[in-house]
Amino acid sequence: MTVMDDWLTAACTELGLDPAEVPVPTVLDLARDVAHQVLRPGAPVTAYLLGLAVGRGADPVATAARLAELAGTWPVELGGGRGTD
């Protein structure tokens, strides 16, 4: 087990969630895309938004893909320099 696995198990237990239902690679990929293509503080906020959408019934993989696509097309001038803010 990795530290991520240990953390995921503990956090899911605390929240009454099943760790098998957490698409960790999808969330990490989305956070990376936002951090590098929009701005770093946007990564955890976007992960939270993904969680809200999924909690309201959205498919996590499809929703993450939509957000990643949005991040990939985000204009540099609006993003503040690709992850430097």
Protein backbone atom coordinates (compact mmCIF):
# COMPACT_ATOMS: atom_id res chain seq x y z
CA MET A 1 0.00 0.00 0.00
CA THR A 2 1.10 3.53 -0.74
CA VAL A 3 0.58 6.62 1.38
CA MET A 4 -2.14 7.61 -1.10
CA ASP A 5 -3.89 4.28 -0.56
CA ASP A 6 -3.64 4.69 3.22
CA TRP A 7 -4.96 8.26 3.06
CA LEU A 8 -7.77 7.33 0.68
CA THR A 9 -8.86 4.47 2.93
CA ALA A 10 -8.78 6.63 6.06
CA ALA A 11 -10.55 9.60 4.44
CA CYS A 12 -13.22 7.38 2.89
CA THR A 13 -13.79 5.60 6.20
CA GLU A 14 -14.20 8.98 7.90
CA LEU A 15 -16.76 10.06 5.30
CA GLY A 16 -18.56 6.74 4.93
CA LEU A 17 -17.44 6.29 1.33
CA ASP A 18 -16.13 3.30 -0.60
CA PRO A 19 -12.50 3.84 -1.72
CA ALA A 20 -13.17 1.66 -4.78
CA GLU A 21 -15.56 4.32 -6.05
CA VAL A 22 -12.89 7.06 -6.07
CA PRO A 23 -11.30 7.52 -9.51
CA VAL A 24 -7.95 8.69 -8.11
CA PRO A 25 -6.06 8.83 -11.44
CA THR A 26 -8.89 10.85 -13.00
CA VAL A 27 -8.91 13.37 -10.16
CA LEU A 28 -5.11 13.67 -10.14
CA ASP A 29 -4.96 14.13 -13.90
CA LEU A 30 -7.61 16.85 -13.75
CA ALA A 31 -5.81 18.63 -10.90
CA ARG A 32 -2.55 18.50 -12.89
CA ASP A 33 -4.19 19.90 -16.00
CA VAL A 34 -5.79 22.79 -14.14
CA ALA A 35 -2.64 23.55 -12.13
CA HIS A 36 -0.47 23.66 -15.23
CA GLN A 37 -2.87 25.18 -17.75
CA VAL A 38 -4.93 27.58 -15.67
CA LEU A 39 -3.46 28.24 -12.21
CA ARG A 40 -2.30 26.17 -9.24
CA PRO A 41 -4.96 27.24 -6.74
CA GLY A 42 -7.57 26.26 -9.30
CA ALA A 43 -6.62 22.59 -8.95
CA PRO A 44 -8.14 21.90 -5.51
CA VAL A 45 -11.11 24.15 -6.25
CA THR A 46 -11.77 22.28 -9.48
CA ALA A 47 -11.48 18.95 -7.66
CA TYR A 48 -14.09 20.22 -5.21
CA LEU A 49 -16.34 21.29 -8.09
CA LEU A 50 -15.94 17.83 -9.62
CA GLY A 51 -17.00 16.33 -6.30
CA LEU A 52 -20.06 18.56 -6.12
CA ALA A 53 -21.09 17.61 -9.64
CA VAL A 54 -20.57 13.91 -8.97
CA GLY A 55 -22.50 14.20 -5.71
CA ARG A 56 -25.37 15.58 -7.75
CA GLY A 57 -25.30 12.61 -10.11
CA ALA A 58 -22.70 13.50 -12.79
CA ASP A 59 -20.41 10.80 -14.14
CA PRO A 60 -16.95 11.44 -12.63
CA VAL A 61 -14.89 10.42 -15.66
CA ALA A 62 -17.02 12.33 -18.19
CA THR A 63 -17.19 15.41 -15.97
CA ALA A 64 -13.44 15.38 -15.37
CA ALA A 65 -12.89 15.09 -19.12
CA ARG A 66 -15.10 18.14 -19.75
CA LEU A 67 -13.20 20.16 -17.16
CA ALA A 68 -9.82 19.00 -18.48
CA GLU A 69 -10.87 20.04 -21.98
CA LEU A 70 -11.90 23.45 -20.64
CA ALA A 71 -8.53 23.80 -18.89
CA GLY A 72 -6.72 22.79 -22.08
CA THR A 73 -8.37 25.56 -24.03
CA TRP A 74 -8.02 28.20 -21.30
CA PRO A 75 -6.32 31.34 -22.68
CA VAL A 76 -2.90 32.08 -21.20
CA GLU A 77 -3.82 35.72 -20.55
CA LEU A 78 -6.80 34.64 -18.42
CA GLY A 79 -4.86 31.92 -16.67
CA GLY A 80 -2.20 34.28 -15.38
CA GLY A 81 0.78 32.52 -16.90
CA ARG A 82 0.06 28.80 -16.79
CA GLY A 83 0.14 27.83 -13.17
CA THR A 84 2.14 30.67 -11.69
CA ASP A 85 -0.64 32.27 -9.64
